[in-house]
Amino acid sequence: MSSNPFRLDITEIGEQWVVIRTTPHGKAVSQIPAPFRREILRGMLAGIEKALIRSHSPVSTRHAAPAGSSSCHSHAGETIWANEVRR
């Protein structure tokens, strides 16, 4: 405990959160209603996981151009149309 002067633990039990606060001066325990429904938390977690995966992915993604777009790019002497798919 000497390296952490303040510790906060939160445990979910059903529809309640148990919040435990520990300091060198003592400990306090509270039970509060969960501020978010389980489905909302799962959705938020899925979004965070997806963002983490994307942020560490070595693959760059390309977005398709709208239909009828005539924009083109030059790459290594080749002309590549935005709606052209290259494999």
C-alpha atoms as a PDB file:
ATOM      1  CA  MET A   1       0.000   0.000   0.000  1.00  0.00           C
ATOM      2  CA  SER A   2       2.914   2.363   0.527  1.00  0.00           C
ATOM      3  CA  SER A   3       3.474   2.798  -3.254  1.00  0.00           C
ATOM      4  CA  ASN A   4      -0.205   3.690  -3.911  1.00  0.00           C
ATOM      5  CA  PRO A   5      -1.528   6.376  -1.583  1.00  0.00           C
ATOM      6  CA  PHE A   6      -5.011   6.116  -3.123  1.00  0.00           C
ATOM      7  CA  ARG A   7      -6.728   3.066  -4.576  1.00  0.00           C
ATOM      8  CA  LEU A   8     -10.138   2.871  -6.222  1.00  0.00           C
ATOM      9  CA  ASP A   9     -11.779  -0.490  -6.944  1.00  0.00           C
ATOM     10  CA  ILE A  10     -15.106  -0.807  -8.740  1.00  0.00           C
ATOM     11  CA  THR A  11     -16.918  -4.129  -8.936  1.00  0.00           C
ATOM     12  CA  GLU A  12     -20.183  -4.706 -10.757  1.00  0.00           C
ATOM     13  CA  ILE A  13     -22.674  -6.931  -8.958  1.00  0.00           C
ATOM     14  CA  GLY A  14     -25.936  -7.208 -10.857  1.00  0.00           C
ATOM     15  CA  GLU A  15     -27.340  -3.718 -11.290  1.00  0.00           C
ATOM     16  CA  GLN A  16     -25.121  -2.269  -8.522  1.00  0.00           C
ATOM     17  CA  TRP A  17     -21.537  -1.031  -8.500  1.00  0.00           C
ATOM     18  CA  VAL A  18     -19.509  -1.551  -5.348  1.00  0.00           C
ATOM     19  CA  VAL A  19     -16.969   1.261  -5.037  1.00  0.00           C
ATOM     20  CA  ILE A  20     -14.093   0.728  -2.595  1.00  0.00           C
ATOM     21  CA  ARG A  21     -11.805   3.660  -1.833  1.00  0.00           C
ATOM     22  CA  THR A  22      -8.636   2.957   0.112  1.00  0.00           C
ATOM     23  CA  THR A  23      -6.166   5.550   1.418  1.00  0.00           C
ATOM     24  CA  PRO A  24      -3.491   5.539   4.118  1.00  0.00           C
ATOM     25  CA  HIS A  25      -6.169   7.137   6.361  1.00  0.00           C
ATOM     26  CA  GLY A  26      -8.806   4.423   5.927  1.00  0.00           C
ATOM     27  CA  LYS A  27     -11.208   2.628   3.665  1.00  0.00           C
ATOM     28  CA  ALA A  28     -14.740   3.449   2.488  1.00  0.00           C
ATOM     29  CA  VAL A  29     -17.210   1.217   0.659  1.00  0.00           C
ATOM     30  CA  SER A  30     -20.276   2.434  -1.245  1.00  0.00           C
ATOM     31  CA  GLN A  31     -22.917   0.715  -3.337  1.00  0.00           C
ATOM     32  CA  ILE A  32     -24.380   2.783  -6.145  1.00  0.00           C
ATOM     33  CA  PRO A  33     -26.755   1.958  -8.978  1.00  0.00           C
ATOM     34  CA  ALA A  34     -24.916   1.253 -12.231  1.00  0.00           C
ATOM     35  CA  PRO A  35     -24.848   4.503 -14.263  1.00  0.00           C
ATOM     36  CA  PHE A  36     -25.082   2.609 -17.592  1.00  0.00           C
ATOM     37  CA  ARG A  37     -27.092  -0.393 -18.732  1.00  0.00           C
ATOM     38  CA  ARG A  38     -25.066  -3.522 -19.506  1.00  0.00           C
ATOM     39  CA  GLU A  39     -25.891  -3.310 -23.247  1.00  0.00           C
ATOM     40  CA  ILE A  40     -24.561   0.244 -23.467  1.00  0.00           C
ATOM     41  CA  LEU A  41     -21.324  -0.720 -21.720  1.00  0.00           C
ATOM     42  CA  ARG A  42     -20.851  -3.698 -24.057  1.00  0.00           C
ATOM     43  CA  GLY A  43     -21.335  -1.440 -27.072  1.00  0.00           C
ATOM     44  CA  MET A  44     -18.856   1.097 -25.722  1.00  0.00           C
ATOM     45  CA  LEU A  45     -16.319  -1.654 -25.019  1.00  0.00           C
ATOM     46  CA  ALA A  46     -16.716  -3.040 -28.537  1.00  0.00           C
ATOM     47  CA  GLY A  47     -16.046   0.423 -29.950  1.00  0.00           C
ATOM     48  CA  ILE A  48     -12.906   0.805 -27.830  1.00  0.00           C
ATOM     49  CA  GLU A  49     -11.650  -2.648 -28.844  1.00  0.00           C
ATOM     50  CA  LYS A  50     -12.230  -1.863 -32.534  1.00  0.00           C
ATOM     51  CA  ALA A  51     -10.407   1.466 -32.230  1.00  0.00           C
ATOM     52  CA  LEU A  52      -7.440  -0.223 -30.529  1.00  0.00           C
ATOM     53  CA  ILE A  53      -7.235  -2.866 -33.245  1.00  0.00           C
ATOM     54  CA  ARG A  54      -7.384  -0.235 -35.984  1.00  0.00           C
ATOM     55  CA  SER A  55      -4.797   1.986 -34.300  1.00  0.00           C
ATOM     56  CA  HIS A  56      -2.233  -0.839 -34.261  1.00  0.00           C
ATOM     57  CA  SER A  57      -3.030  -2.325 -37.652  1.00  0.00           C
ATOM     58  CA  PRO A  58      -0.188  -2.108 -40.204  1.00  0.00           C
ATOM     59  CA  VAL A  59      -2.746  -2.176 -43.038  1.00  0.00           C
ATOM     60  CA  SER A  60      -3.919   1.105 -44.437  1.00  0.00           C
ATOM     61  CA  THR A  61      -7.488   1.220 -45.672  1.00  0.00           C
ATOM     62  CA  ARG A  62      -8.765   2.835 -48.824  1.00  0.00           C
ATOM     63  CA  HIS A  63     -12.211   4.313 -49.196  1.00  0.00           C
ATOM     64  CA  ALA A  64     -14.204   3.949 -52.398  1.00  0.00           C
ATOM     65  CA  ALA A  65     -14.970   7.056 -54.387  1.00  0.00           C
ATOM     66  CA  PRO A  66     -18.603   7.927 -55.112  1.00  0.00           C
ATOM     67  CA  ALA A  67     -20.044   6.429 -58.302  1.00  0.00           C
ATOM     68  CA  GLY A  68     -19.338   8.573 -61.341  1.00  0.00           C
ATOM     69  CA  SER A  69     -16.300  10.169 -59.746  1.00  0.00           C
ATOM     70  CA  SER A  70     -13.543  10.853 -62.206  1.00  0.00           C
ATOM     71  CA  SER A  71     -10.788  11.653 -59.758  1.00  0.00           C
ATOM     72  CA  CYS A  72      -7.490   9.980 -60.454  1.00  0.00           C
ATOM     73  CA  HIS A  73      -4.136   9.713 -58.758  1.00  0.00           C
ATOM     74  CA  SER A  74      -0.675   9.078 -60.069  1.00  0.00           C
ATOM     75  CA  HIS A  75       1.450   6.450 -58.378  1.00  0.00           C
ATOM     76  CA  ALA A  76       4.833   5.254 -59.661  1.00  0.00           C
ATOM     77  CA  GLY A  77       4.086   6.431 -63.202  1.00  0.00           C
ATOM     78  CA  GLU A  78       0.640   4.770 -63.329  1.00  0.00           C
ATOM     79  CA  THR A  79      -2.690   6.528 -63.427  1.00  0.00           C
ATOM     80  CA  ILE A  80      -5.111   5.019 -60.950  1.00  0.00           C
ATOM     81  CA  TRP A  81      -8.772   5.964 -61.082  1.00  0.00           C
ATOM     82  CA  ALA A  82     -10.455   6.314 -57.708  1.00  0.00           C
ATOM     83  CA  ASN A  83     -13.106   3.684 -58.474  1.00  0.00           C
ATOM     84  CA  GLU A  84     -10.608   1.186 -59.851  1.00  0.00           C
ATOM     85  CA  VAL A  85      -9.934  -1.865 -57.703  1.00  0.00           C
ATOM     86  CA  ARG A  86      -6.388  -3.188 -57.800  1.00  0.00           C
ATOM     87  CA  ARG A  87      -5.353  -6.502 -56.330  1.00  0.00           C
END
